[in-house]
PDB file of N, CA and C in Angstrom:
ATOM      1  N   MET A   1     -15.595  -9.540  -3.389  1.00  0.00           N
ATOM      2  CA  MET A   1     -16.490  -8.431  -3.140  1.00  0.00           C
ATOM      3  C   MET A   1     -15.971  -7.116  -3.700  1.00  0.00           C
ATOM      4  N   ALA A   2     -14.705  -7.061  -4.052  1.00  0.00           N
ATOM      5  CA  ALA A   2     -14.147  -5.841  -4.623  1.00  0.00           C
ATOM      6  C   ALA A   2     -14.638  -5.693  -6.053  1.00  0.00           C
ATOM      7  N   GLN A   3     -14.646  -4.452  -6.535  1.00  0.00           N
ATOM      8  CA  GLN A   3     -15.095  -4.208  -7.900  1.00  0.00           C
ATOM      9  C   GLN A   3     -14.062  -3.410  -8.663  1.00  0.00           C
ATOM     10  N   GLN A   4     -13.735  -3.855  -9.814  1.00  0.00           N
ATOM     11  CA  GLN A   4     -13.064  -3.079 -10.856  1.00  0.00           C
ATOM     12  C   GLN A   4     -13.101  -3.981 -12.060  1.00  0.00           C
ATOM     13  N   GLY A   5     -14.018  -3.752 -12.902  1.00  0.00           N
ATOM     14  CA  GLY A   5     -14.183  -4.619 -14.057  1.00  0.00           C
ATOM     15  C   GLY A   5     -14.373  -6.051 -13.593  1.00  0.00           C
ATOM     16  N   ASP A   6     -13.697  -6.986 -14.236  1.00  0.00           N
ATOM     17  CA  ASP A   6     -13.789  -8.376 -13.836  1.00  0.00           C
ATOM     18  C   ASP A   6     -12.625  -8.800 -12.950  1.00  0.00           C
ATOM     19  N   ASP A   7     -11.668  -7.904 -12.700  1.00  0.00           N
ATOM     20  CA  ASP A   7     -10.512  -8.249 -11.885  1.00  0.00           C
ATOM     21  C   ASP A   7     -10.888  -8.209 -10.415  1.00  0.00           C
ATOM     22  N   GLN A   8     -10.645  -9.305  -9.729  1.00  0.00           N
ATOM     23  CA  GLN A   8     -10.862  -9.335  -8.295  1.00  0.00           C
ATOM     24  C   GLN A   8      -9.640  -9.945  -7.640  1.00  0.00           C
ATOM     25  N   PRO A   9      -8.947  -9.161  -6.796  1.00  0.00           N
ATOM     26  CA  PRO A   9      -7.771  -9.712  -6.146  1.00  0.00           C
ATOM     27  C   PRO A   9      -8.181 -10.791  -5.147  1.00  0.00           C
ATOM     28  N   PRO A  10      -7.326 -11.782  -4.911  1.00  0.00           N
ATOM     29  CA  PRO A  10      -7.647 -12.808  -3.941  1.00  0.00           C
ATOM     30  C   PRO A  10      -7.728 -12.222  -2.543  1.00  0.00           C
ATOM     31  N   GLN A  11      -8.557 -12.787  -1.698  1.00  0.00           N
ATOM     32  CA  GLN A  11      -8.725 -12.299  -0.335  1.00  0.00           C
ATOM     33  C   GLN A  11      -7.611 -12.818   0.561  1.00  0.00           C
ATOM     34  N   GLU A  12      -7.247 -12.003   1.552  1.00  0.00           N
ATOM     35  CA  GLU A  12      -6.274 -12.435   2.548  1.00  0.00           C
ATOM     36  C   GLU A  12      -6.844 -13.671   3.222  1.00  0.00           C
ATOM     37  N   GLN A  13      -6.006 -14.655   3.377  1.00  0.00           N
ATOM     38  CA  GLN A  13      -6.461 -15.900   3.969  1.00  0.00           C
ATOM     39  C   GLN A  13      -7.008 -15.625   5.371  1.00  0.00           C
ATOM     40  N   GLY A  14      -8.229 -16.064   5.625  1.00  0.00           N
ATOM     41  CA  GLY A  14      -8.829 -15.894   6.935  1.00  0.00           C
ATOM     42  C   GLY A  14      -9.606 -14.602   7.121  1.00  0.00           C
ATOM     43  N   TYR A  15      -9.634 -13.712   6.147  1.00  0.00           N
ATOM     44  CA  TYR A  15     -10.399 -12.468   6.287  1.00  0.00           C
ATOM     45  C   TYR A  15     -11.386 -12.325   5.153  1.00  0.00           C
ATOM     46  N   GLN A  16     -12.635 -12.129   5.500  1.00  0.00           N
ATOM     47  CA  GLN A  16     -13.702 -11.927   4.529  1.00  0.00           C
ATOM     48  C   GLN A  16     -14.147 -10.467   4.614  1.00  0.00           C
ATOM     49  N   LEU A  17     -14.122  -9.744   3.494  1.00  0.00           N
ATOM     50  CA  LEU A  17     -14.562  -8.345   3.489  1.00  0.00           C
ATOM     51  C   LEU A  17     -15.998  -8.253   3.966  1.00  0.00           C
ATOM     52  N   GLN A  18     -16.284  -7.254   4.803  1.00  0.00           N
ATOM     53  CA  GLN A  18     -17.613  -7.076   5.373  1.00  0.00           C
ATOM     54  C   GLN A  18     -18.561  -6.326   4.444  1.00  0.00           C
ATOM     55  N   SER A  19     -17.999  -5.575   3.510  1.00  0.00           N
ATOM     56  CA  SER A  19     -18.832  -4.852   2.556  1.00  0.00           C
ATOM     57  C   SER A  19     -18.102  -4.770   1.219  1.00  0.00           C
ATOM     58  N   GLN A  20     -18.836  -4.364   0.207  1.00  0.00           N
ATOM     59  CA  GLN A  20     -18.271  -4.270  -1.137  1.00  0.00           C
ATOM     60  C   GLN A  20     -17.518  -2.951  -1.278  1.00  0.00           C
ATOM     61  N   HIS A  21     -16.326  -3.008  -1.868  1.00  0.00           N
ATOM     62  CA  HIS A  21     -15.498  -1.820  -2.047  1.00  0.00           C
ATOM     63  C   HIS A  21     -15.111  -1.671  -3.510  1.00  0.00           C
ATOM     64  N   TYR A  22     -15.048  -0.437  -3.949  1.00  0.00           N
ATOM     65  CA  TYR A  22     -14.616  -0.101  -5.306  1.00  0.00           C
ATOM     66  C   TYR A  22     -13.141   0.272  -5.243  1.00  0.00           C
ATOM     67  N   TYR A  23     -12.363  -0.152  -6.227  1.00  0.00           N
ATOM     68  CA  TYR A  23     -10.984   0.309  -6.312  1.00  0.00           C
ATOM     69  C   TYR A  23     -10.616   0.576  -7.752  1.00  0.00           C
ATOM     70  N   LYS A  24      -9.637   1.459  -7.902  1.00  0.00           N
ATOM     71  CA  LYS A  24      -9.115   1.780  -9.227  1.00  0.00           C
ATOM     72  C   LYS A  24      -7.634   2.109  -9.066  1.00  0.00           C
ATOM     73  N   ILE A  25      -6.807   1.488  -9.869  1.00  0.00           N
ATOM     74  CA  ILE A  25      -5.381   1.805  -9.860  1.00  0.00           C
ATOM     75  C   ILE A  25      -5.179   3.015 -10.765  1.00  0.00           C
ATOM     76  N   ILE A  26      -4.660   4.083 -10.203  1.00  0.00           N
ATOM     77  CA  ILE A  26      -4.468   5.324 -10.943  1.00  0.00           C
ATOM     78  C   ILE A  26      -3.107   5.329 -11.627  1.00  0.00           C
ATOM     79  N   THR A  27      -2.058   5.031 -10.868  1.00  0.00           N
ATOM     80  CA  THR A  27      -0.702   4.940 -11.416  1.00  0.00           C
ATOM     81  C   THR A  27       0.020   3.821 -10.690  1.00  0.00           C
ATOM     82  N   SER A  28       0.736   3.012 -11.436  1.00  0.00           N
ATOM     83  CA  SER A  28       1.518   1.961 -10.794  1.00  0.00           C
ATOM     84  C   SER A  28       2.808   1.722 -11.561  1.00  0.00           C
ATOM     85  N   TYR A  29       3.876   1.625 -10.801  1.00  0.00           N
ATOM     86  CA  TYR A  29       5.175   1.243 -11.346  1.00  0.00           C
ATOM     87  C   TYR A  29       5.655  -0.026 -10.644  1.00  0.00           C
ATOM     88  N   MET A  30       4.703  -0.895 -10.304  1.00  0.00           N
ATOM     89  CA  MET A  30       5.011  -2.138  -9.598  1.00  0.00           C
ATOM     90  C   MET A  30       4.763  -3.324 -10.514  1.00  0.00           C
ATOM     91  N   PRO A  31       5.474  -4.425 -10.259  1.00  0.00           N
ATOM     92  CA  PRO A  31       5.114  -5.664 -10.959  1.00  0.00           C
ATOM     93  C   PRO A  31       3.681  -6.041 -10.591  1.00  0.00           C
ATOM     94  N   GLU A  32       3.004  -6.741 -11.464  1.00  0.00           N
ATOM     95  CA  GLU A  32       1.591  -7.051 -11.253  1.00  0.00           C
ATOM     96  C   GLU A  32       1.324  -7.775  -9.936  1.00  0.00           C
ATOM     97  N   SER A  33       2.185  -8.689  -9.544  1.00  0.00           N
ATOM     98  CA  SER A  33       1.960  -9.423  -8.290  1.00  0.00           C
ATOM     99  C   SER A  33       2.040  -8.482  -7.081  1.00  0.00           C
ATOM    100  N   PHE A  34       2.983  -7.536  -7.102  1.00  0.00           N
ATOM    101  CA  PHE A  34       3.092  -6.554  -6.016  1.00  0.00           C
ATOM    102  C   PHE A  34       1.851  -5.665  -5.999  1.00  0.00           C
ATOM    103  N   GLU A  35       1.396  -5.294  -7.187  1.00  0.00           N
ATOM    104  CA  GLU A  35       0.206  -4.460  -7.355  1.00  0.00           C
ATOM    105  C   GLU A  35      -1.022  -5.150  -6.746  1.00  0.00           C
ATOM    106  N   GLN A  36      -1.225  -6.416  -7.084  1.00  0.00           N
ATOM    107  CA  GLN A  36      -2.370  -7.176  -6.557  1.00  0.00           C
ATOM    108  C   GLN A  36      -2.314  -7.265  -5.036  1.00  0.00           C
ATOM    109  N   ASP A  37      -1.122  -7.465  -4.481  1.00  0.00           N
ATOM    110  CA  ASP A  37      -0.977  -7.515  -3.022  1.00  0.00           C
ATOM    111  C   ASP A  37      -1.308  -6.165  -2.395  1.00  0.00           C
ATOM    112  N   ALA A  38      -0.875  -5.083  -3.017  1.00  0.00           N
ATOM    113  CA  ALA A  38      -1.164  -3.746  -2.500  1.00  0.00           C
ATOM    114  C   ALA A  38      -2.668  -3.476  -2.506  1.00  0.00           C
ATOM    115  N   VAL A  39      -3.348  -3.858  -3.582  1.00  0.00           N
ATOM    116  CA  VAL A  39      -4.801  -3.672  -3.668  1.00  0.00           C
ATOM    117  C   VAL A  39      -5.496  -4.503  -2.601  1.00  0.00           C
ATOM    118  N   GLN A  40      -5.121  -5.756  -2.473  1.00  0.00           N
ATOM    119  CA  GLN A  40      -5.743  -6.651  -1.487  1.00  0.00           C
ATOM    120  C   GLN A  40      -5.592  -6.094  -0.075  1.00  0.00           C
ATOM    121  N   ILE A  41      -4.383  -5.673   0.267  1.00  0.00           N
ATOM    122  CA  ILE A  41      -4.120  -5.136   1.605  1.00  0.00           C
ATOM    123  C   ILE A  41      -4.903  -3.844   1.825  1.00  0.00           C
ATOM    124  N   ALA A  42      -4.972  -2.976   0.821  1.00  0.00           N
ATOM    125  CA  ALA A  42      -5.714  -1.714   0.947  1.00  0.00           C
ATOM    126  C   ALA A  42      -7.210  -1.961   1.127  1.00  0.00           C
ATOM    127  N   LEU A  43      -7.763  -2.928   0.401  1.00  0.00           N
ATOM    128  CA  LEU A  43      -9.189  -3.257   0.550  1.00  0.00           C
ATOM    129  C   LEU A  43      -9.490  -3.726   1.971  1.00  0.00           C
ATOM    130  N   ILE A  44      -8.638  -4.562   2.508  1.00  0.00           N
ATOM    131  CA  ILE A  44      -8.836  -5.050   3.872  1.00  0.00           C
ATOM    132  C   ILE A  44      -8.717  -3.899   4.868  1.00  0.00           C
ATOM    133  N   ALA A  45      -7.729  -3.025   4.674  1.00  0.00           N
ATOM    134  CA  ALA A  45      -7.529  -1.894   5.579  1.00  0.00           C
ATOM    135  C   ALA A  45      -8.753  -0.981   5.616  1.00  0.00           C
ATOM    136  N   VAL A  46      -9.296  -0.662   4.446  1.00  0.00           N
ATOM    137  CA  VAL A  46     -10.476   0.208   4.377  1.00  0.00           C
ATOM    138  C   VAL A  46     -11.692  -0.488   4.991  1.00  0.00           C
ATOM    139  N   ASP A  47     -11.763  -1.795   4.850  1.00  0.00           N
ATOM    140  CA  ASP A  47     -12.867  -2.560   5.425  1.00  0.00           C
ATOM    141  C   ASP A  47     -12.777  -2.623   6.957  1.00  0.00           C
ATOM    142  N   LYS A  48     -11.565  -2.737   7.488  1.00  0.00           N
ATOM    143  CA  LYS A  48     -11.361  -2.916   8.932  1.00  0.00           C
ATOM    144  C   LYS A  48     -11.362  -1.610   9.721  1.00  0.00           C
ATOM    145  N   TYR A  49     -10.827  -0.539   9.133  1.00  0.00           N
ATOM    146  CA  TYR A  49     -10.564   0.683   9.892  1.00  0.00           C
ATOM    147  C   TYR A  49     -11.302   1.887   9.319  1.00  0.00           C
ATOM    148  N   ARG A  50     -11.553   2.871  10.177  1.00  0.00           N
ATOM    149  CA  ARG A  50     -12.234   4.101   9.765  1.00  0.00           C
ATOM    150  C   ARG A  50     -11.294   5.301   9.769  1.00  0.00           C
ATOM    151  N   GLN A  51     -10.334   5.310  10.676  1.00  0.00           N
ATOM    152  CA  GLN A  51      -9.417   6.443  10.769  1.00  0.00           C
ATOM    153  C   GLN A  51      -8.327   6.304   9.714  1.00  0.00           C
ATOM    154  N   LEU A  52      -8.016   7.398   9.043  1.00  0.00           N
ATOM    155  CA  LEU A  52      -7.028   7.378   7.963  1.00  0.00           C
ATOM    156  C   LEU A  52      -5.656   6.910   8.431  1.00  0.00           C
ATOM    157  N   LYS A  53      -5.251   7.334   9.629  1.00  0.00           N
ATOM    158  CA  LYS A  53      -3.939   6.928  10.145  1.00  0.00           C
ATOM    159  C   LYS A  53      -3.894   5.423  10.382  1.00  0.00           C
ATOM    160  N   ASP A  54      -4.999   4.833  10.786  1.00  0.00           N
ATOM    161  CA  ASP A  54      -5.051   3.383  11.015  1.00  0.00           C
ATOM    162  C   ASP A  54      -5.006   2.610   9.698  1.00  0.00           C
ATOM    163  N   ILE A  55      -5.675   3.147   8.684  1.00  0.00           N
ATOM    164  CA  ILE A  55      -5.653   2.524   7.349  1.00  0.00           C
ATOM    165  C   ILE A  55      -4.232   2.547   6.802  1.00  0.00           C
ATOM    166  N   ALA A  56      -3.568   3.709   6.858  1.00  0.00           N
ATOM    167  CA  ALA A  56      -2.199   3.836   6.360  1.00  0.00           C
ATOM    168  C   ALA A  56      -1.244   2.936   7.139  1.00  0.00           C
ATOM    169  N   PHE A  57      -1.393   2.904   8.455  1.00  0.00           N
ATOM    170  CA  PHE A  57      -0.527   2.081   9.306  1.00  0.00           C
ATOM    171  C   PHE A  57      -0.673   0.600   8.941  1.00  0.00           C
ATOM    172  N   TYR A  58      -1.904   0.147   8.777  1.00  0.00           N
ATOM    173  CA  TYR A  58      -2.157  -1.261   8.432  1.00  0.00           C
ATOM    174  C   TYR A  58      -1.523  -1.607   7.078  1.00  0.00           C
ATOM    175  N   ILE A  59      -1.738  -0.764   6.080  1.00  0.00           N
ATOM    176  CA  ILE A  59      -1.202  -1.032   4.742  1.00  0.00           C
ATOM    177  C   ILE A  59       0.322  -1.107   4.783  1.00  0.00           C
ATOM    178  N   LYS A  60       0.952  -0.124   5.402  1.00  0.00           N
ATOM    179  CA  LYS A  60       2.414  -0.095   5.478  1.00  0.00           C
ATOM    180  C   LYS A  60       2.950  -1.340   6.177  1.00  0.00           C
ATOM    181  N   HIS A  61       2.397  -1.676   7.323  1.00  0.00           N
ATOM    182  CA  HIS A  61       2.927  -2.798   8.100  1.00  0.00           C
ATOM    183  C   HIS A  61       2.623  -4.152   7.474  1.00  0.00           C
ATOM    184  N   GLU A  62       1.482  -4.303   6.842  1.00  0.00           N
ATOM    185  CA  GLU A  62       1.188  -5.564   6.150  1.00  0.00           C
ATOM    186  C   GLU A  62       2.092  -5.734   4.938  1.00  0.00           C
ATOM    187  N   TYR A  63       2.371  -4.649   4.246  1.00  0.00           N
ATOM    188  CA  TYR A  63       3.259  -4.714   3.090  1.00  0.00           C
ATOM    189  C   TYR A  63       4.690  -5.003   3.541  1.00  0.00           C
ATOM    190  N   ASP A  64       5.095  -4.424   4.666  1.00  0.00           N
ATOM    191  CA  ASP A  64       6.408  -4.736   5.241  1.00  0.00           C
ATOM    192  C   ASP A  64       6.516  -6.224   5.574  1.00  0.00           C
ATOM    193  N   LYS A  65       5.430  -6.794   6.107  1.00  0.00           N
ATOM    194  CA  LYS A  65       5.434  -8.230   6.436  1.00  0.00           C
ATOM    195  C   LYS A  65       5.504  -9.084   5.177  1.00  0.00           C
ATOM    196  N   LYS A  66       4.773  -8.669   4.155  1.00  0.00           N
ATOM    197  CA  LYS A  66       4.718  -9.423   2.906  1.00  0.00           C
ATOM    198  C   LYS A  66       6.053  -9.369   2.166  1.00  0.00           C
ATOM    199  N   TYR A  67       6.702  -8.207   2.180  1.00  0.00           N
ATOM    200  CA  TYR A  67       7.966  -8.004   1.471  1.00  0.00           C
ATOM    201  C   TYR A  67       9.008  -7.431   2.437  1.00  0.00           C
ATOM    202  N   PRO A  68       9.475  -8.252   3.372  1.00  0.00           N
ATOM    203  CA  PRO A  68      10.446  -7.747   4.363  1.00  0.00           C
ATOM    204  C   PRO A  68      11.798  -7.449   3.719  1.00  0.00           C
ATOM    205  N   GLY A  69      12.461  -6.474   4.278  1.00  0.00           N
ATOM    206  CA  GLY A  69      13.792  -6.135   3.799  1.00  0.00           C
ATOM    207  C   GLY A  69      14.836  -6.954   4.534  1.00  0.00           C
ATOM    208  N   SER A  70      16.060  -6.717   4.206  1.00  0.00           N
ATOM    209  CA  SER A  70      17.159  -7.444   4.835  1.00  0.00           C
ATOM    210  C   SER A  70      17.532  -6.848   6.184  1.00  0.00           C
ATOM    211  N   GLY A  71      16.986  -5.683   6.508  1.00  0.00           N
ATOM    212  CA  GLY A  71      17.301  -5.026   7.768  1.00  0.00           C
ATOM    213  C   GLY A  71      18.399  -3.982   7.638  1.00  0.00           C
ATOM    214  N   LYS A  72      19.008  -3.888   6.476  1.00  0.00           N
ATOM    215  CA  LYS A  72      20.058  -2.892   6.276  1.00  0.00           C
ATOM    216  C   LYS A  72      19.431  -1.507   6.126  1.00  0.00           C
ATOM    217  N   ALA A  73      20.036  -0.532   6.756  1.00  0.00           N
ATOM    218  CA  ALA A  73      19.507   0.834   6.716  1.00  0.00           C
ATOM    219  C   ALA A  73      19.546   1.419   5.308  1.00  0.00           C
ATOM    220  N   THR A  74      20.439   0.921   4.470  1.00  0.00           N
ATOM    221  CA  THR A  74      20.573   1.470   3.120  1.00  0.00           C
ATOM    222  C   THR A  74      19.560   0.879   2.145  1.00  0.00           C
ATOM    223  N   GLU A  75      18.798  -0.116   2.571  1.00  0.00           N
ATOM    224  CA  GLU A  75      17.873  -0.780   1.661  1.00  0.00           C
ATOM    225  C   GLU A  75      16.611   0.029   1.368  1.00  0.00           C
ATOM    226  N   GLY A  76      16.146   0.803   2.305  1.00  0.00           N
ATOM    227  CA  GLY A  76      14.929   1.587   2.110  1.00  0.00           C
ATOM    228  C   GLY A  76      13.752   0.990   2.856  1.00  0.00           C
ATOM    229  N   VAL A  77      12.706   1.771   2.965  1.00  0.00           N
ATOM    230  CA  VAL A  77      11.520   1.371   3.709  1.00  0.00           C
ATOM    231  C   VAL A  77      10.256   1.754   2.934  1.00  0.00           C
ATOM    232  N   TYR A  78       9.146   1.089   3.259  1.00  0.00           N
ATOM    233  CA  TYR A  78       7.855   1.419   2.652  1.00  0.00           C
ATOM    234  C   TYR A  78       7.212   2.575   3.400  1.00  0.00           C
ATOM    235  N   HIS A  79       6.442   3.355   2.648  1.00  0.00           N
ATOM    236  CA  HIS A  79       5.700   4.487   3.198  1.00  0.00           C
ATOM    237  C   HIS A  79       4.287   4.411   2.629  1.00  0.00           C
ATOM    238  N   CYS A  80       3.319   4.945   3.375  1.00  0.00           N
ATOM    239  CA  CYS A  80       1.937   4.938   2.895  1.00  0.00           C
ATOM    240  C   CYS A  80       1.244   6.227   3.316  1.00  0.00           C
ATOM    241  N   ILE A  81       0.503   6.804   2.382  1.00  0.00           N
ATOM    242  CA  ILE A  81      -0.323   7.984   2.638  1.00  0.00           C
ATOM    243  C   ILE A  81      -1.743   7.629   2.228  1.00  0.00           C
ATOM    244  N   VAL A  82      -2.707   7.978   3.083  1.00  0.00           N
ATOM    245  CA  VAL A  82      -4.118   7.736   2.784  1.00  0.00           C
ATOM    246  C   VAL A  82      -4.879   9.026   3.071  1.00  0.00           C
ATOM    247  N   GLY A  83      -5.749   9.438   2.157  1.00  0.00           N
ATOM    248  CA  GLY A  83      -6.546  10.631   2.387  1.00  0.00           C
ATOM    249  C   GLY A  83      -7.513  10.882   1.259  1.00  0.00           C
ATOM    250  N   LYS A  84      -8.335  11.899   1.445  1.00  0.00           N
ATOM    251  CA  LYS A  84      -9.313  12.260   0.420  1.00  0.00           C
ATOM    252  C   LYS A  84      -8.826  13.419  -0.430  1.00  0.00           C
ATOM    253  N   SER A  85      -7.943  14.243   0.124  1.00  0.00           N
ATOM    254  CA  SER A  85      -7.474  15.405  -0.605  1.00  0.00           C
ATOM    255  C   SER A  85      -6.079  15.762  -0.114  1.00  0.00           C
ATOM    256  N   PHE A  86      -5.090  15.541  -0.960  1.00  0.00           N
ATOM    257  CA  PHE A  86      -3.725  15.905  -0.623  1.00  0.00           C
ATOM    258  C   PHE A  86      -2.905  15.966  -1.899  1.00  0.00           C
ATOM    259  N   ALA A  87      -1.747  16.572  -1.792  1.00  0.00           N
ATOM    260  CA  ALA A  87      -0.802  16.606  -2.910  1.00  0.00           C
ATOM    261  C   ALA A  87       0.471  15.930  -2.432  1.00  0.00           C
ATOM    262  N   SER A  88       1.204  15.350  -3.367  1.00  0.00           N
ATOM    263  CA  SER A  88       2.445  14.700  -2.965  1.00  0.00           C
ATOM    264  C   SER A  88       3.457  14.738  -4.097  1.00  0.00           C
ATOM    265  N   ALA A  89       4.706  14.651  -3.716  1.00  0.00           N
ATOM    266  CA  ALA A  89       5.817  14.464  -4.645  1.00  0.00           C
ATOM    267  C   ALA A  89       6.794  13.586  -3.888  1.00  0.00           C
ATOM    268  N   VAL A  90       6.973  12.359  -4.345  1.00  0.00           N
ATOM    269  CA  VAL A  90       7.820  11.421  -3.616  1.00  0.00           C
ATOM    270  C   VAL A  90       8.877  10.827  -4.530  1.00  0.00           C
ATOM    271  N   SER A  91       9.992  10.474  -3.945  1.00  0.00           N
ATOM    272  CA  SER A  91      11.033   9.726  -4.657  1.00  0.00           C
ATOM    273  C   SER A  91      10.868   8.273  -4.247  1.00  0.00           C
ATOM    274  N   HIS A  92      10.963   7.367  -5.223  1.00  0.00           N
ATOM    275  CA  HIS A  92      10.760   5.959  -4.902  1.00  0.00           C
ATOM    276  C   HIS A  92      11.761   5.100  -5.645  1.00  0.00           C
ATOM    277  N   GLU A  93      11.945   3.902  -5.125  1.00  0.00           N
ATOM    278  CA  GLU A  93      12.801   2.947  -5.808  1.00  0.00           C
ATOM    279  C   GLU A  93      12.137   2.541  -7.117  1.00  0.00           C
ATOM    280  N   THR A  94      12.931   2.058  -8.052  1.00  0.00           N
ATOM    281  CA  THR A  94      12.419   1.614  -9.338  1.00  0.00           C
ATOM    282  C   THR A  94      11.374   0.529  -9.136  1.00  0.00           C
ATOM    283  N   ARG A  95      10.226   0.684  -9.787  1.00  0.00           N
ATOM    284  CA  ARG A  95       9.129  -0.280  -9.748  1.00  0.00           C
ATOM    285  C   ARG A  95       8.600  -0.523  -8.332  1.00  0.00           C
ATOM    286  N   GLN A  96       8.566   0.521  -7.512  1.00  0.00           N
ATOM    287  CA  GLN A  96       8.082   0.394  -6.134  1.00  0.00           C
ATOM    288  C   GLN A  96       7.158   1.554  -5.770  1.00  0.00           C
ATOM    289  N   PHE A  97       6.137   1.807  -6.602  1.00  0.00           N
ATOM    290  CA  PHE A  97       5.184   2.902  -6.354  1.00  0.00           C
ATOM    291  C   PHE A  97       3.824   2.515  -6.891  1.00  0.00           C
ATOM    292  N   ILE A  98       2.782   2.799  -6.096  1.00  0.00           N
ATOM    293  CA  ILE A  98       1.417   2.634  -6.583  1.00  0.00           C
ATOM    294  C   ILE A  98       0.539   3.733  -5.982  1.00  0.00           C
ATOM    295  N   HIS A  99      -0.336   4.274  -6.820  1.00  0.00           N
ATOM    296  CA  HIS A  99      -1.362   5.228  -6.394  1.00  0.00           C
ATOM    297  C   HIS A  99      -2.683   4.629  -6.820  1.00  0.00           C
ATOM    298  N   MET A 100      -3.553   4.386  -5.848  1.00  0.00           N
ATOM    299  CA  MET A 100      -4.855   3.799  -6.144  1.00  0.00           C
ATOM    300  C   MET A 100      -5.938   4.545  -5.377  1.00  0.00           C
ATOM    301  N   LYS A 101      -7.159   4.311  -5.805  1.00  0.00           N
ATOM    302  CA  LYS A 101      -8.304   4.868  -5.106  1.00  0.00           C
ATOM    303  C   LYS A 101      -9.127   3.685  -4.613  1.00  0.00           C
ATOM    304  N   VAL A 102      -9.439   3.692  -3.313  1.00  0.00           N
ATOM    305  CA  VAL A 102     -10.285   2.663  -2.716  1.00  0.00           C
ATOM    306  C   VAL A 102     -11.471   3.399  -2.100  1.00  0.00           C
ATOM    307  N   ASP A 103     -12.654   3.136  -2.640  1.00  0.00           N
ATOM    308  CA  ASP A 103     -13.861   3.880  -2.273  1.00  0.00           C
ATOM    309  C   ASP A 103     -13.573   5.371  -2.486  1.00  0.00           C
ATOM    310  N   THR A 104     -13.615   6.184  -1.421  1.00  0.00           N
ATOM    311  CA  THR A 104     -13.370   7.626  -1.579  1.00  0.00           C
ATOM    312  C   THR A 104     -11.957   8.032  -1.166  1.00  0.00           C
ATOM    313  N   TYR A 105     -11.136   7.070  -0.798  1.00  0.00           N
ATOM    314  CA  TYR A 105      -9.781   7.356  -0.317  1.00  0.00           C
ATOM    315  C   TYR A 105      -8.738   7.145  -1.405  1.00  0.00           C
ATOM    316  N   HIS A 106      -7.778   8.044  -1.464  1.00  0.00           N
ATOM    317  CA  HIS A 106      -6.606   7.851  -2.306  1.00  0.00           C
ATOM    318  C   HIS A 106      -5.530   7.215  -1.431  1.00  0.00           C
ATOM    319  N   VAL A 107      -4.837   6.229  -1.979  1.00  0.00           N
ATOM    320  CA  VAL A 107      -3.789   5.513  -1.261  1.00  0.00           C
ATOM    321  C   VAL A 107      -2.519   5.556  -2.105  1.00  0.00           C
ATOM    322  N   ILE A 108      -1.433   6.002  -1.506  1.00  0.00           N
ATOM    323  CA  ILE A 108      -0.128   5.970  -2.160  1.00  0.00           C
ATOM    324  C   ILE A 108       0.773   5.100  -1.294  1.00  0.00           C
ATOM    325  N   LEU A 109       1.373   4.099  -1.934  1.00  0.00           N
ATOM    326  CA  LEU A 109       2.304   3.195  -1.259  1.00  0.00           C
ATOM    327  C   LEU A 109       3.582   3.171  -2.082  1.00  0.00           C
ATOM    328  N   TRP A 110       4.733   3.399  -1.422  1.00  0.00           N
ATOM    329  CA  TRP A 110       6.000   3.385  -2.158  1.00  0.00           C
ATOM    330  C   TRP A 110       7.133   2.988  -1.230  1.00  0.00           C
ATOM    331  N   LYS A 111       8.208   2.559  -1.855  1.00  0.00           N
ATOM    332  CA  LYS A 111       9.425   2.227  -1.116  1.00  0.00           C
ATOM    333  C   LYS A 111      10.486   3.232  -1.504  1.00  0.00           C
ATOM    334  N   SER A 112      11.135   3.791  -0.488  1.00  0.00           N
ATOM    335  CA  SER A 112      12.138   4.816  -0.711  1.00  0.00           C
ATOM    336  C   SER A 112      13.444   4.427  -0.045  1.00  0.00           C
ATOM    337  N   LYS A 113      14.540   4.747  -0.693  1.00  0.00           N
ATOM    338  CA  LYS A 113      15.851   4.499  -0.092  1.00  0.00           C
ATOM    339  C   LYS A 113      16.203   5.572   0.924  1.00  0.00           C
ATOM    340  N   ASP A 114      15.445   6.648   0.944  1.00  0.00           N
ATOM    341  CA  ASP A 114      15.652   7.672   1.975  1.00  0.00           C
ATOM    342  C   ASP A 114      15.190   7.065   3.285  1.00  0.00           C
ATOM    343  N   THR A 115      16.095   6.896   4.224  1.00  0.00           N
ATOM    344  CA  THR A 115      15.744   6.242   5.481  1.00  0.00           C
ATOM    345  C   THR A 115      15.926   7.180   6.653  1.00  0.00           C
ATOM    346  N   PRO A 116      15.285   6.869   7.764  1.00  0.00           N
ATOM    347  CA  PRO A 116      15.444   7.704   8.957  1.00  0.00           C
ATOM    348  C   PRO A 116      16.721   7.379   9.724  1.00  0.00           C
ATOM    349  N   PHE A 117      17.549   6.483   9.182  1.00  0.00           N
ATOM    350  CA  PHE A 117      18.760   6.045   9.872  1.00  0.00           C
ATOM    351  C   PHE A 117      19.960   6.871   9.419  1.00  0.00           C
ATOM    352  N   THR A 118      20.934   6.981  10.271  1.00  0.00           N
ATOM    353  CA  THR A 118      22.158   7.665   9.882  1.00  0.00           C
ATOM    354  C   THR A 118      23.077   6.660   9.182  1.00  0.00           C
ATOM    355  N   PRO A 119      23.801   7.093   8.153  1.00  0.00           N
ATOM    356  CA  PRO A 119      24.700   6.179   7.444  1.00  0.00           C
ATOM    357  C   PRO A 119      25.758   5.597   8.407  1.00  0.00           C
ATOM    358  N   GLY A 120      26.054   4.342   8.214  1.00  0.00           N
ATOM    359  CA  GLY A 120      27.058   3.691   9.036  1.00  0.00           C
ATOM    360  C   GLY A 120      26.549   3.251  10.393  1.00  0.00           C
ATOM    361  N   GLY A 121      25.256   3.386  10.632  1.00  0.00           N
ATOM    362  CA  GLY A 121      24.681   3.028  11.931  1.00  0.00           C
ATOM    363  C   GLY A 121      24.245   1.583  12.011  1.00  0.00           C
ATOM    364  N   GLU A 122      24.710   0.755  11.098  1.00  0.00           N
ATOM    365  CA  GLU A 122      24.291  -0.648  11.094  1.00  0.00           C
ATOM    366  C   GLU A 122      24.991  -1.427  12.174  1.00  0.00           C
TER     367      GLU A 122
END
């Protein structure tokens, strides 16, 4: 049900989109498989939720589940911003950033080594 040319990401197993959504990848420094997963998760989030904080929360946590870290504080964590109008400047790990538009929302998903943990707290 998603639209962008002829490319359609596979649907999350067990979830059928309730309406048709448009998406466009604006900037991506991710491998294609990571990119497709990010688009799929974002489409589901926009389909399921109306509040921006809920959309961002769903995307971040689903991506964390899909690509879990080792649990080390130095490894970094995923972050997600969703909105219609905002500016950003983020530092991200190599090949771990995507900016896309889903319907009228801009979505930025990235992994950063900047963590909320104190060094040596493992």
